[in-house]
Amino acid sequence: MDCPDGELSLLIVDDLQIAEFNKKYLDREGPTNVIAFAMREGRFSHISPELLGDVVISIETAAQEGKNAGMSLTQRFDQLLVHGILHLFGYDHVNDSEQAAIMEKKSDFLMKIIMSANIC
């Protein structure tokens, strides 16, 4: 993804906390599974180009989604982390259906690498 020395922060929160972020920054109601705040975009992106941004994951939602999908919390968490990182690189599945397909393919590819390395 052309960023060998990238840096990001990861915040693991509960549903209440992510709902607050969702409302404050995205003007959306209720909890969600992951939110990404990219630092490589916008007016000040040139200041620290190695800084990718922040990924916020609701552990409660991740656990429930994992259970519903018949997978471990670790597997679902890893999926959400990959998803958030792809957002930091500018992938947008919400507003661009073509990019959604590309993002899903890239996510599947990265998850296969993680699974084959026995990281999760």
PDB file of N, CA and C in Angstrom:
ATOM      1  N   MET A   1       0.825  -1.186   0.000  1.00  0.00           N
ATOM      2  CA  MET A   1       0.000   0.000   0.000  1.00  0.00           C
ATOM      3  C   MET A   1       0.873   1.255   0.000  1.00  0.00           C
ATOM      4  N   ASP A   2       2.149   1.043  -0.273  1.00  0.00           N
ATOM      5  CA  ASP A   2       3.065   2.154  -0.471  1.00  0.00           C
ATOM      6  C   ASP A   2       3.218   3.046   0.764  1.00  0.00           C
ATOM      7  N   CYS A   3       3.401   2.415   1.910  1.00  0.00           N
ATOM      8  CA  CYS A   3       3.623   3.185   3.130  1.00  0.00           C
ATOM      9  C   CYS A   3       4.379   2.312   4.133  1.00  0.00           C
ATOM     10  N   PRO A   4       5.649   2.014   3.848  1.00  0.00           N
ATOM     11  CA  PRO A   4       6.375   1.080   4.715  1.00  0.00           C
ATOM     12  C   PRO A   4       6.612   1.578   6.134  1.00  0.00           C
ATOM     13  N   ASP A   5       6.635   2.880   6.336  1.00  0.00           N
ATOM     14  CA  ASP A   5       6.921   3.419   7.662  1.00  0.00           C
ATOM     15  C   ASP A   5       5.740   4.181   8.242  1.00  0.00           C
ATOM     16  N   GLY A   6       4.535   3.783   7.877  1.00  0.00           N
ATOM     17  CA  GLY A   6       3.353   4.478   8.352  1.00  0.00           C
ATOM     18  C   GLY A   6       3.088   4.226   9.821  1.00  0.00           C
ATOM     19  N   GLU A   7       2.444   5.179  10.445  1.00  0.00           N
ATOM     20  CA  GLU A   7       2.114   5.099  11.869  1.00  0.00           C
ATOM     21  C   GLU A   7       0.636   5.403  12.042  1.00  0.00           C
ATOM     22  N   LEU A   8      -0.005   4.671  12.941  1.00  0.00           N
ATOM     23  CA  LEU A   8      -1.401   4.932  13.243  1.00  0.00           C
ATOM     24  C   LEU A   8      -1.638   4.739  14.722  1.00  0.00           C
ATOM     25  N   SER A   9      -2.733   5.291  15.189  1.00  0.00           N
ATOM     26  CA  SER A   9      -3.137   5.020  16.566  1.00  0.00           C
ATOM     27  C   SER A   9      -4.400   4.184  16.523  1.00  0.00           C
ATOM     28  N   LEU A  10      -4.543   3.342  17.525  1.00  0.00           N
ATOM     29  CA  LEU A  10      -5.690   2.458  17.632  1.00  0.00           C
ATOM     30  C   LEU A  10      -6.344   2.699  18.979  1.00  0.00           C
ATOM     31  N   LEU A  11      -7.636   2.960  18.946  1.00  0.00           N
ATOM     32  CA  LEU A  11      -8.403   3.182  20.160  1.00  0.00           C
ATOM     33  C   LEU A  11      -9.502   2.130  20.221  1.00  0.00           C
ATOM     34  N   ILE A  12      -9.526   1.360  21.281  1.00  0.00           N
ATOM     35  CA  ILE A  12     -10.543   0.331  21.486  1.00  0.00           C
ATOM     36  C   ILE A  12     -11.506   0.855  22.533  1.00  0.00           C
ATOM     37  N   VAL A  13     -12.779   0.936  22.147  1.00  0.00           N
ATOM     38  CA  VAL A  13     -13.783   1.564  23.008  1.00  0.00           C
ATOM     39  C   VAL A  13     -15.010   0.659  23.129  1.00  0.00           C
ATOM     40  N   ASP A  14     -15.970   1.103  23.947  1.00  0.00           N
ATOM     41  CA  ASP A  14     -17.246   0.398  24.037  1.00  0.00           C
ATOM     42  C   ASP A  14     -18.255   1.090  23.115  1.00  0.00           C
ATOM     43  N   ASP A  15     -19.467   0.555  23.050  1.00  0.00           N
ATOM     44  CA  ASP A  15     -20.484   1.103  22.154  1.00  0.00           C
ATOM     45  C   ASP A  15     -20.863   2.545  22.496  1.00  0.00           C
ATOM     46  N   LEU A  16     -20.919   2.859  23.770  1.00  0.00           N
ATOM     47  CA  LEU A  16     -21.262   4.221  24.181  1.00  0.00           C
ATOM     48  C   LEU A  16     -20.231   5.231  23.667  1.00  0.00           C
ATOM     49  N   GLN A  17     -18.969   4.883  23.818  1.00  0.00           N
ATOM     50  CA  GLN A  17     -17.907   5.799  23.385  1.00  0.00           C
ATOM     51  C   GLN A  17     -17.892   5.968  21.865  1.00  0.00           C
ATOM     52  N   ILE A  18     -18.055   4.872  21.122  1.00  0.00           N
ATOM     53  CA  ILE A  18     -18.005   5.000  19.662  1.00  0.00           C
ATOM     54  C   ILE A  18     -19.240   5.728  19.150  1.00  0.00           C
ATOM     55  N   ALA A  19     -20.371   5.579  19.847  1.00  0.00           N
ATOM     56  CA  ALA A  19     -21.580   6.323  19.470  1.00  0.00           C
ATOM     57  C   ALA A  19     -21.342   7.827  19.619  1.00  0.00           C
ATOM     58  N   GLU A  20     -20.595   8.208  20.651  1.00  0.00           N
ATOM     59  CA  GLU A  20     -20.261   9.621  20.846  1.00  0.00           C
ATOM     60  C   GLU A  20     -19.387  10.142  19.704  1.00  0.00           C
ATOM     61  N   PHE A  21     -18.371   9.366  19.307  1.00  0.00           N
ATOM     62  CA  PHE A  21     -17.533   9.739  18.156  1.00  0.00           C
ATOM     63  C   PHE A  21     -18.370   9.821  16.884  1.00  0.00           C
ATOM     64  N   ASN A  22     -19.240   8.840  16.711  1.00  0.00           N
ATOM     65  CA  ASN A  22     -20.078   8.762  15.517  1.00  0.00           C
ATOM     66  C   ASN A  22     -20.945  10.014  15.388  1.00  0.00           C
ATOM     67  N   LYS A  23     -21.513  10.465  16.485  1.00  0.00           N
ATOM     68  CA  LYS A  23     -22.368  11.654  16.489  1.00  0.00           C
ATOM     69  C   LYS A  23     -21.536  12.921  16.304  1.00  0.00           C
ATOM     70  N   LYS A  24     -20.478  13.041  17.087  1.00  0.00           N
ATOM     71  CA  LYS A  24     -19.679  14.269  17.088  1.00  0.00           C
ATOM     72  C   LYS A  24     -18.976  14.515  15.750  1.00  0.00           C
ATOM     73  N   TYR A  25     -18.393  13.471  15.172  1.00  0.00           N
ATOM     74  CA  TYR A  25     -17.570  13.672  13.977  1.00  0.00           C
ATOM     75  C   TYR A  25     -18.253  13.310  12.664  1.00  0.00           C
ATOM     76  N   LEU A  26     -19.242  12.414  12.712  1.00  0.00           N
ATOM     77  CA  LEU A  26     -19.898  11.979  11.475  1.00  0.00           C
ATOM     78  C   LEU A  26     -21.378  12.334  11.429  1.00  0.00           C
ATOM     79  N   ASP A  27     -21.894  12.913  12.520  1.00  0.00           N
ATOM     80  CA  ASP A  27     -23.300  13.286  12.633  1.00  0.00           C
ATOM     81  C   ASP A  27     -24.231  12.108  12.365  1.00  0.00           C
ATOM     82  N   ARG A  28     -23.832  10.944  12.890  1.00  0.00           N
ATOM     83  CA  ARG A  28     -24.635   9.723  12.767  1.00  0.00           C
ATOM     84  C   ARG A  28     -25.022   9.250  14.158  1.00  0.00           C
ATOM     85  N   GLU A  29     -26.212   8.694  14.252  1.00  0.00           N
ATOM     86  CA  GLU A  29     -26.716   8.212  15.536  1.00  0.00           C
ATOM     87  C   GLU A  29     -26.274   6.784  15.817  1.00  0.00           C
ATOM     88  N   GLY A  30     -26.002   6.504  17.076  1.00  0.00           N
ATOM     89  CA  GLY A  30     -25.759   5.151  17.544  1.00  0.00           C
ATOM     90  C   GLY A  30     -24.342   4.651  17.324  1.00  0.00           C
ATOM     91  N   PRO A  31     -24.095   3.466  17.866  1.00  0.00           N
ATOM     92  CA  PRO A  31     -22.759   2.880  17.743  1.00  0.00           C
ATOM     93  C   PRO A  31     -22.522   2.310  16.343  1.00  0.00           C
ATOM     94  N   THR A  32     -21.276   2.124  16.016  1.00  0.00           N
ATOM     95  CA  THR A  32     -20.851   1.480  14.780  1.00  0.00           C
ATOM     96  C   THR A  32     -19.668   0.587  15.135  1.00  0.00           C
ATOM     97  N   ASN A  33     -19.172  -0.171  14.191  1.00  0.00           N
ATOM     98  CA  ASN A  33     -18.083  -1.094  14.512  1.00  0.00           C
ATOM     99  C   ASN A  33     -16.702  -0.436  14.449  1.00  0.00           C
ATOM    100  N   VAL A  34     -16.470   0.409  13.436  1.00  0.00           N
ATOM    101  CA  VAL A  34     -15.152   1.030  13.275  1.00  0.00           C
ATOM    102  C   VAL A  34     -15.305   2.412  12.641  1.00  0.00           C
ATOM    103  N   ILE A  35     -14.470   3.329  13.089  1.00  0.00           N
ATOM    104  CA  ILE A  35     -14.382   4.662  12.500  1.00  0.00           C
ATOM    105  C   ILE A  35     -12.899   4.945  12.270  1.00  0.00           C
ATOM    106  N   ALA A  36     -12.595   5.532  11.122  1.00  0.00           N
ATOM    107  CA  ALA A  36     -11.212   5.885  10.811  1.00  0.00           C
ATOM    108  C   ALA A  36     -11.111   7.386  10.556  1.00  0.00           C
ATOM    109  N   PHE A  37     -10.088   7.979  11.128  1.00  0.00           N
ATOM    110  CA  PHE A  37      -9.822   9.401  10.946  1.00  0.00           C
ATOM    111  C   PHE A  37      -8.467   9.537  10.247  1.00  0.00           C
ATOM    112  N   ALA A  38      -8.502   9.772   8.943  1.00  0.00           N
ATOM    113  CA  ALA A  38      -7.283   9.828   8.139  1.00  0.00           C
ATOM    114  C   ALA A  38      -6.521  11.124   8.376  1.00  0.00           C
ATOM    115  N   MET A  39      -5.210  11.013   8.429  1.00  0.00           N
ATOM    116  CA  MET A  39      -4.341  12.179   8.587  1.00  0.00           C
ATOM    117  C   MET A  39      -3.581  12.486   7.298  1.00  0.00           C
ATOM    118  N   ARG A  40      -3.769  11.653   6.269  1.00  0.00           N
ATOM    119  CA  ARG A  40      -3.060  11.861   5.005  1.00  0.00           C
ATOM    120  C   ARG A  40      -3.873  12.709   4.035  1.00  0.00           C
ATOM    121  N   GLU A  41      -4.977  13.243   4.514  1.00  0.00           N
ATOM    122  CA  GLU A  41      -5.850  14.073   3.692  1.00  0.00           C
ATOM    123  C   GLU A  41      -5.956  15.446   4.332  1.00  0.00           C
ATOM    124  N   GLY A  42      -6.326  16.410   3.555  1.00  0.00           N
ATOM    125  CA  GLY A  42      -6.620  17.724   4.114  1.00  0.00           C
ATOM    126  C   GLY A  42      -5.452  18.679   4.107  1.00  0.00           C
ATOM    127  N   ARG A  43      -5.723  19.810   4.660  1.00  0.00           N
ATOM    128  CA  ARG A  43      -4.827  20.960   4.619  1.00  0.00           C
ATOM    129  C   ARG A  43      -3.464  20.735   5.275  1.00  0.00           C
ATOM    130  N   PHE A  44      -3.419  19.939   6.329  1.00  0.00           N
ATOM    131  CA  PHE A  44      -2.175  19.775   7.074  1.00  0.00           C
ATOM    132  C   PHE A  44      -1.535  18.397   6.878  1.00  0.00           C
ATOM    133  N   SER A  45      -1.935  17.680   5.846  1.00  0.00           N
ATOM    134  CA  SER A  45      -1.442  16.319   5.627  1.00  0.00           C
ATOM    135  C   SER A  45       0.060  16.269   5.348  1.00  0.00           C
ATOM    136  N   HIS A  46       0.640  17.322   4.875  1.00  0.00           N
ATOM    137  CA  HIS A  46       2.064  17.363   4.551  1.00  0.00           C
ATOM    138  C   HIS A  46       2.965  17.464   5.788  1.00  0.00           C
ATOM    139  N   ILE A  47       2.414  17.815   6.922  1.00  0.00           N
ATOM    140  CA  ILE A  47       3.223  18.040   8.129  1.00  0.00           C
ATOM    141  C   ILE A  47       3.895  16.756   8.603  1.00  0.00           C
ATOM    142  N   SER A  48       3.147  15.677   8.696  1.00  0.00           N
ATOM    143  CA  SER A  48       3.684  14.377   9.117  1.00  0.00           C
ATOM    144  C   SER A  48       3.139  13.297   8.180  1.00  0.00           C
ATOM    145  N   PRO A  49       3.694  13.175   6.980  1.00  0.00           N
ATOM    146  CA  PRO A  49       3.133  12.243   6.004  1.00  0.00           C
ATOM    147  C   PRO A  49       3.192  10.769   6.422  1.00  0.00           C
ATOM    148  N   GLU A  50       4.042  10.440   7.401  1.00  0.00           N
ATOM    149  CA  GLU A  50       4.101   9.059   7.882  1.00  0.00           C
ATOM    150  C   GLU A  50       2.937   8.729   8.824  1.00  0.00           C
ATOM    151  N   LEU A  51       2.229   9.745   9.278  1.00  0.00           N
ATOM    152  CA  LEU A  51       1.101   9.567  10.179  1.00  0.00           C
ATOM    153  C   LEU A  51      -0.147   9.231   9.361  1.00  0.00           C
ATOM    154  N   LEU A  52      -0.611   7.986   9.474  1.00  0.00           N
ATOM    155  CA  LEU A  52      -1.779   7.552   8.708  1.00  0.00           C
ATOM    156  C   LEU A  52      -3.074   8.086   9.307  1.00  0.00           C
ATOM    157  N   GLY A  53      -3.196   8.027  10.625  1.00  0.00           N
ATOM    158  CA  GLY A  53      -4.398   8.498  11.291  1.00  0.00           C
ATOM    159  C   GLY A  53      -4.781   7.623  12.458  1.00  0.00           C
ATOM    160  N   ASP A  54      -6.069   7.662  12.789  1.00  0.00           N
ATOM    161  CA  ASP A  54      -6.598   6.957  13.956  1.00  0.00           C
ATOM    162  C   ASP A  54      -7.669   5.969  13.528  1.00  0.00           C
ATOM    163  N   VAL A  55      -7.643   4.789  14.132  1.00  0.00           N
ATOM    164  CA  VAL A  55      -8.699   3.793  13.938  1.00  0.00           C
ATOM    165  C   VAL A  55      -9.339   3.562  15.302  1.00  0.00           C
ATOM    166  N   VAL A  56     -10.661   3.691  15.359  1.00  0.00           N
ATOM    167  CA  VAL A  56     -11.418   3.485  16.592  1.00  0.00           C
ATOM    168  C   VAL A  56     -12.325   2.277  16.371  1.00  0.00           C
ATOM    169  N   ILE A  57     -12.224   1.281  17.248  1.00  0.00           N
ATOM    170  CA  ILE A  57     -13.019   0.052  17.119  1.00  0.00           C
ATOM    171  C   ILE A  57     -13.831  -0.153  18.390  1.00  0.00           C
ATOM    172  N   SER A  58     -15.124  -0.430  18.201  1.00  0.00           N
ATOM    173  CA  SER A  58     -15.964  -0.794  19.338  1.00  0.00           C
ATOM    174  C   SER A  58     -15.807  -2.291  19.595  1.00  0.00           C
ATOM    175  N   ILE A  59     -15.251  -2.631  20.732  1.00  0.00           N
ATOM    176  CA  ILE A  59     -15.037  -4.034  21.078  1.00  0.00           C
ATOM    177  C   ILE A  59     -16.373  -4.747  21.306  1.00  0.00           C
ATOM    178  N   GLU A  60     -17.365  -4.004  21.804  1.00  0.00           N
ATOM    179  CA  GLU A  60     -18.688  -4.604  22.020  1.00  0.00           C
ATOM    180  C   GLU A  60     -19.335  -4.993  20.694  1.00  0.00           C
ATOM    181  N   THR A  61     -19.313  -4.082  19.744  1.00  0.00           N
ATOM    182  CA  THR A  61     -19.903  -4.378  18.442  1.00  0.00           C
ATOM    183  C   THR A  61     -19.110  -5.464  17.733  1.00  0.00           C
ATOM    184  N   ALA A  62     -17.787  -5.416  17.821  1.00  0.00           N
ATOM    185  CA  ALA A  62     -16.948  -6.445  17.211  1.00  0.00           C
ATOM    186  C   ALA A  62     -17.288  -7.824  17.778  1.00  0.00           C
ATOM    187  N   ALA A  63     -17.459  -7.908  19.086  1.00  0.00           N
ATOM    188  CA  ALA A  63     -17.790  -9.190  19.718  1.00  0.00           C
ATOM    189  C   ALA A  63     -19.136  -9.710  19.235  1.00  0.00           C
ATOM    190  N   GLN A  64     -20.128  -8.827  19.174  1.00  0.00           N
ATOM    191  CA  GLN A  64     -21.463  -9.235  18.731  1.00  0.00           C
ATOM    192  C   GLN A  64     -21.453  -9.647  17.257  1.00  0.00           C
ATOM    193  N   GLU A  65     -20.777  -8.898  16.422  1.00  0.00           N
ATOM    194  CA  GLU A  65     -20.699  -9.234  14.999  1.00  0.00           C
ATOM    195  C   GLU A  65     -19.952 -10.547  14.785  1.00  0.00           C
ATOM    196  N   GLY A  66     -18.878 -10.759  15.537  1.00  0.00           N
ATOM    197  CA  GLY A  66     -18.147 -12.024  15.449  1.00  0.00           C
ATOM    198  C   GLY A  66     -19.029 -13.197  15.835  1.00  0.00           C
ATOM    199  N   LYS A  67     -19.746 -13.037  16.937  1.00  0.00           N
ATOM    200  CA  LYS A  67     -20.655 -14.096  17.398  1.00  0.00           C
ATOM    201  C   LYS A  67     -21.718 -14.378  16.341  1.00  0.00           C
ATOM    202  N   ASN A  68     -22.315 -13.327  15.781  1.00  0.00           N
ATOM    203  CA  ASN A  68     -23.352 -13.497  14.758  1.00  0.00           C
ATOM    204  C   ASN A  68     -22.824 -14.170  13.496  1.00  0.00           C
ATOM    205  N   ALA A  69     -21.552 -13.949  13.197  1.00  0.00           N
ATOM    206  CA  ALA A  69     -20.944 -14.519  11.990  1.00  0.00           C
ATOM    207  C   ALA A  69     -20.268 -15.864  12.242  1.00  0.00           C
ATOM    208  N   GLY A  70     -20.280 -16.303  13.501  1.00  0.00           N
ATOM    209  CA  GLY A  70     -19.659 -17.588  13.827  1.00  0.00           C
ATOM    210  C   GLY A  70     -18.136 -17.551  13.778  1.00  0.00           C
ATOM    211  N   MET A  71     -17.568 -16.405  14.132  1.00  0.00           N
ATOM    212  CA  MET A  71     -16.108 -16.293  14.145  1.00  0.00           C
ATOM    213  C   MET A  71     -15.661 -15.770  15.504  1.00  0.00           C
ATOM    214  N   SER A  72     -14.392 -15.901  15.745  1.00  0.00           N
ATOM    215  CA  SER A  72     -13.859 -15.433  17.023  1.00  0.00           C
ATOM    216  C   SER A  72     -13.811 -13.900  17.050  1.00  0.00           C
ATOM    217  N   LEU A  73     -13.764 -13.378  18.249  1.00  0.00           N
ATOM    218  CA  LEU A  73     -13.613 -11.934  18.417  1.00  0.00           C
ATOM    219  C   LEU A  73     -12.317 -11.468  17.757  1.00  0.00           C
ATOM    220  N   THR A  74     -11.258 -12.242  17.896  1.00  0.00           N
ATOM    221  CA  THR A  74      -9.969 -11.878  17.302  1.00  0.00           C
ATOM    222  C   THR A  74     -10.082 -11.755  15.785  1.00  0.00           C
ATOM    223  N   GLN A  75     -10.752 -12.699  15.147  1.00  0.00           N
ATOM    224  CA  GLN A  75     -10.918 -12.641  13.695  1.00  0.00           C
ATOM    225  C   GLN A  75     -11.710 -11.403  13.283  1.00  0.00           C
ATOM    226  N   ARG A  76     -12.814 -11.135  13.978  1.00  0.00           N
ATOM    227  CA  ARG A  76     -13.628  -9.973  13.628  1.00  0.00           C
ATOM    228  C   ARG A  76     -12.872  -8.683  13.907  1.00  0.00           C
ATOM    229  N   PHE A  77     -12.144  -8.635  15.000  1.00  0.00           N
ATOM    230  CA  PHE A  77     -11.349  -7.462  15.329  1.00  0.00           C
ATOM    231  C   PHE A  77     -10.321  -7.200  14.221  1.00  0.00           C
ATOM    232  N   ASP A  78      -9.636  -8.247  13.791  1.00  0.00           N
ATOM    233  CA  ASP A  78      -8.646  -8.097  12.725  1.00  0.00           C
ATOM    234  C   ASP A  78      -9.292  -7.589  11.438  1.00  0.00           C
ATOM    235  N   GLN A  79     -10.474  -8.094  11.105  1.00  0.00           N
ATOM    236  CA  GLN A  79     -11.192  -7.607   9.923  1.00  0.00           C
ATOM    237  C   GLN A  79     -11.475  -6.112  10.042  1.00  0.00           C
ATOM    238  N   LEU A  80     -11.947  -5.699  11.198  1.00  0.00           N
ATOM    239  CA  LEU A  80     -12.277  -4.291  11.402  1.00  0.00           C
ATOM    240  C   LEU A  80     -11.023  -3.412  11.371  1.00  0.00           C
ATOM    241  N   LEU A  81      -9.923  -3.910  11.914  1.00  0.00           N
ATOM    242  CA  LEU A  81      -8.681  -3.153  11.884  1.00  0.00           C
ATOM    243  C   LEU A  81      -8.206  -2.965  10.437  1.00  0.00           C
ATOM    244  N   VAL A  82      -8.233  -4.040   9.657  1.00  0.00           N
ATOM    245  CA  VAL A  82      -7.857  -3.949   8.238  1.00  0.00           C
ATOM    246  C   VAL A  82      -8.781  -2.969   7.527  1.00  0.00           C
ATOM    247  N   HIS A  83     -10.078  -3.069   7.799  1.00  0.00           N
ATOM    248  CA  HIS A  83     -11.062  -2.185   7.185  1.00  0.00           C
ATOM    249  C   HIS A  83     -10.746  -0.717   7.516  1.00  0.00           C
ATOM    250  N   GLY A  84     -10.461  -0.452   8.779  1.00  0.00           N
ATOM    251  CA  GLY A  84     -10.130   0.905   9.201  1.00  0.00           C
ATOM    252  C   GLY A  84      -8.857   1.413   8.550  1.00  0.00           C
ATOM    253  N   ILE A  85      -7.859   0.567   8.451  1.00  0.00           N
ATOM    254  CA  ILE A  85      -6.599   0.959   7.821  1.00  0.00           C
ATOM    255  C   ILE A  85      -6.818   1.285   6.348  1.00  0.00           C
ATOM    256  N   LEU A  86      -7.645   0.496   5.674  1.00  0.00           N
ATOM    257  CA  LEU A  86      -7.944   0.793   4.270  1.00  0.00           C
ATOM    258  C   LEU A  86      -8.614   2.160   4.136  1.00  0.00           C
ATOM    259  N   HIS A  87      -9.466   2.503   5.083  1.00  0.00           N
ATOM    260  CA  HIS A  87     -10.048   3.851   5.076  1.00  0.00           C
ATOM    261  C   HIS A  87      -8.966   4.917   5.227  1.00  0.00           C
ATOM    262  N   LEU A  88      -7.970   4.651   6.064  1.00  0.00           N
ATOM    263  CA  LEU A  88      -6.879   5.615   6.239  1.00  0.00           C
ATOM    264  C   LEU A  88      -6.116   5.845   4.935  1.00  0.00           C
ATOM    265  N   PHE A  89      -6.119   4.840   4.066  1.00  0.00           N
ATOM    266  CA  PHE A  89      -5.458   4.958   2.763  1.00  0.00           C
ATOM    267  C   PHE A  89      -6.388   5.512   1.686  1.00  0.00           C
ATOM    268  N   GLY A  90      -7.580   5.934   2.102  1.00  0.00           N
ATOM    269  CA  GLY A  90      -8.464   6.618   1.169  1.00  0.00           C
ATOM    270  C   GLY A  90      -9.534   5.767   0.521  1.00  0.00           C
ATOM    271  N   TYR A  91      -9.607   4.501   0.855  1.00  0.00           N
ATOM    272  CA  TYR A  91     -10.659   3.661   0.288  1.00  0.00           C
ATOM    273  C   TYR A  91     -12.008   4.094   0.866  1.00  0.00           C
ATOM    274  N   ASP A  92     -13.018   4.149   0.012  1.00  0.00           N
ATOM    275  CA  ASP A  92     -14.342   4.630   0.415  1.00  0.00           C
ATOM    276  C   ASP A  92     -15.418   3.708  -0.148  1.00  0.00           C
ATOM    277  N   HIS A  93     -15.984   2.869   0.705  1.00  0.00           N
ATOM    278  CA  HIS A  93     -17.032   1.950   0.247  1.00  0.00           C
ATOM    279  C   HIS A  93     -18.417   2.571   0.364  1.00  0.00           C
ATOM    280  N   VAL A  94     -18.538   3.671   1.076  1.00  0.00           N
ATOM    281  CA  VAL A  94     -19.838   4.289   1.314  1.00  0.00           C
ATOM    282  C   VAL A  94     -20.302   5.102   0.112  1.00  0.00           C
ATOM    283  N   ASN A  95     -19.417   5.898  -0.444  1.00  0.00           N
ATOM    284  CA  ASN A  95     -19.791   6.819  -1.515  1.00  0.00           C
ATOM    285  C   ASN A  95     -19.368   6.367  -2.908  1.00  0.00           C
ATOM    286  N   ASP A  96     -18.692   5.230  -3.022  1.00  0.00           N
ATOM    287  CA  ASP A  96     -18.160   4.811  -4.307  1.00  0.00           C
ATOM    288  C   ASP A  96     -18.270   3.285  -4.426  1.00  0.00           C
ATOM    289  N   SER A  97     -19.240   2.803  -5.217  1.00  0.00           N
ATOM    290  CA  SER A  97     -19.471   1.363  -5.326  1.00  0.00           C
ATOM    291  C   SER A  97     -18.317   0.641  -6.017  1.00  0.00           C
ATOM    292  N   GLU A  98     -17.647   1.301  -6.940  1.00  0.00           N
ATOM    293  CA  GLU A  98     -16.475   0.687  -7.573  1.00  0.00           C
ATOM    294  C   GLU A  98     -15.372   0.486  -6.553  1.00  0.00           C
ATOM    295  N   GLN A  99     -15.142   1.505  -5.754  1.00  0.00           N
ATOM    296  CA  GLN A  99     -14.111   1.408  -4.731  1.00  0.00           C
ATOM    297  C   GLN A  99     -14.491   0.404  -3.654  1.00  0.00           C
ATOM    298  N   ALA A 100     -15.779   0.222  -3.423  1.00  0.00           N
ATOM    299  CA  ALA A 100     -16.236  -0.761  -2.437  1.00  0.00           C
ATOM    300  C   ALA A 100     -15.768  -2.157  -2.834  1.00  0.00           C
ATOM    301  N   ALA A 101     -15.887  -2.484  -4.111  1.00  0.00           N
ATOM    302  CA  ALA A 101     -15.448  -3.800  -4.598  1.00  0.00           C
ATOM    303  C   ALA A 101     -13.935  -3.944  -4.482  1.00  0.00           C
ATOM    304  N   ILE A 102     -13.218  -2.885  -4.810  1.00  0.00           N
ATOM    305  CA  ILE A 102     -11.755  -2.898  -4.701  1.00  0.00           C
ATOM    306  C   ILE A 102     -11.348  -3.055  -3.239  1.00  0.00           C
ATOM    307  N   MET A 103     -12.034  -2.318  -2.362  1.00  0.00           N
ATOM    308  CA  MET A 103     -11.734  -2.363  -0.930  1.00  0.00           C
ATOM    309  C   MET A 103     -11.981  -3.758  -0.364  1.00  0.00           C
ATOM    310  N   GLU A 104     -13.069  -4.386  -0.767  1.00  0.00           N
ATOM    311  CA  GLU A 104     -13.377  -5.732  -0.279  1.00  0.00           C
ATOM    312  C   GLU A 104     -12.324  -6.732  -0.747  1.00  0.00           C
ATOM    313  N   LYS A 105     -11.910  -6.614  -1.992  1.00  0.00           N
ATOM    314  CA  LYS A 105     -10.889  -7.506  -2.533  1.00  0.00           C
ATOM    315  C   LYS A 105      -9.564  -7.320  -1.799  1.00  0.00           C
ATOM    316  N   LYS A 106      -9.182  -6.074  -1.559  1.00  0.00           N
ATOM    317  CA  LYS A 106      -7.944  -5.771  -0.843  1.00  0.00           C
ATOM    318  C   LYS A 106      -8.020  -6.292   0.600  1.00  0.00           C
ATOM    319  N   SER A 107      -9.170  -6.114   1.228  1.00  0.00           N
ATOM    320  CA  SER A 107      -9.376  -6.599   2.588  1.00  0.00           C
ATOM    321  C   SER A 107      -9.241  -8.119   2.653  1.00  0.00           C
ATOM    322  N   ASP A 108      -9.869  -8.817   1.718  1.00  0.00           N
ATOM    323  CA  ASP A 108      -9.765 -10.284   1.667  1.00  0.00           C
ATOM    324  C   ASP A 108      -8.315 -10.725   1.493  1.00  0.00           C
ATOM    325  N   PHE A 109      -7.600 -10.031   0.617  1.00  0.00           N
ATOM    326  CA  PHE A 109      -6.196 -10.345   0.366  1.00  0.00           C
ATOM    327  C   PHE A 109      -5.364 -10.171   1.645  1.00  0.00           C
ATOM    328  N   LEU A 110      -5.553  -9.052   2.322  1.00  0.00           N
ATOM    329  CA  LEU A 110      -4.796  -8.787   3.550  1.00  0.00           C
ATOM    330  C   LEU A 110      -5.155  -9.773   4.660  1.00  0.00           C
ATOM    331  N   MET A 111      -6.433 -10.132   4.761  1.00  0.00           N
ATOM    332  CA  MET A 111      -6.846 -11.107   5.785  1.00  0.00           C
ATOM    333  C   MET A 111      -6.228 -12.479   5.514  1.00  0.00           C
ATOM    334  N   LYS A 112      -6.105 -12.851   4.249  1.00  0.00           N
ATOM    335  CA  LYS A 112      -5.457 -14.134   3.919  1.00  0.00           C
ATOM    336  C   LYS A 112      -3.993 -14.123   4.349  1.00  0.00           C
ATOM    337  N   ILE A 113      -3.333 -12.993   4.168  1.00  0.00           N
ATOM    338  CA  ILE A 113      -1.942 -12.874   4.620  1.00  0.00           C
ATOM    339  C   ILE A 113      -1.862 -13.021   6.137  1.00  0.00           C
ATOM    340  N   ILE A 114      -2.751 -12.332   6.828  1.00  0.00           N
ATOM    341  CA  ILE A 114      -2.765 -12.407   8.300  1.00  0.00           C
ATOM    342  C   ILE A 114      -3.048 -13.829   8.771  1.00  0.00           C
ATOM    343  N   MET A 115      -4.043 -14.458   8.166  1.00  0.00           N
ATOM    344  CA  MET A 115      -4.411 -15.825   8.571  1.00  0.00           C
ATOM    345  C   MET A 115      -3.287 -16.813   8.263  1.00  0.00           C
ATOM    346  N   SER A 116      -2.625 -16.668   7.118  1.00  0.00           N
ATOM    347  CA  SER A 116      -1.556 -17.605   6.763  1.00  0.00           C
ATOM    348  C   SER A 116      -0.329 -17.425   7.650  1.00  0.00           C
ATOM    349  N   ALA A 117      -0.165 -16.249   8.199  1.00  0.00           N
ATOM    350  CA  ALA A 117       0.959 -15.997   9.104  1.00  0.00           C
ATOM    351  C   ALA A 117       0.628 -16.406  10.530  1.00  0.00           C
ATOM    352  N   ASN A 118      -0.582 -16.932  10.731  1.00  0.00           N
ATOM    353  CA  ASN A 118      -1.036 -17.340  12.077  1.00  0.00           C
ATOM    354  C   ASN A 118      -0.970 -16.198  13.066  1.00  0.00           C
ATOM    355  N   ILE A 119      -1.236 -14.985  12.580  1.00  0.00           N
ATOM    356  CA  ILE A 119      -1.211 -13.816  13.461  1.00  0.00           C
ATOM    357  C   ILE A 119      -2.454 -13.798  14.340  1.00  0.00           C
ATOM    358  N   CYS A 120      -3.612 -14.249  13.792  1.00  0.00           N
ATOM    359  CA  CYS A 120      -4.815 -14.211  14.615  1.00  0.00           C
ATOM    360  C   CYS A 120      -5.136 -15.552  15.206  1.00  0.00           C
TER     361      CYS A 120
END
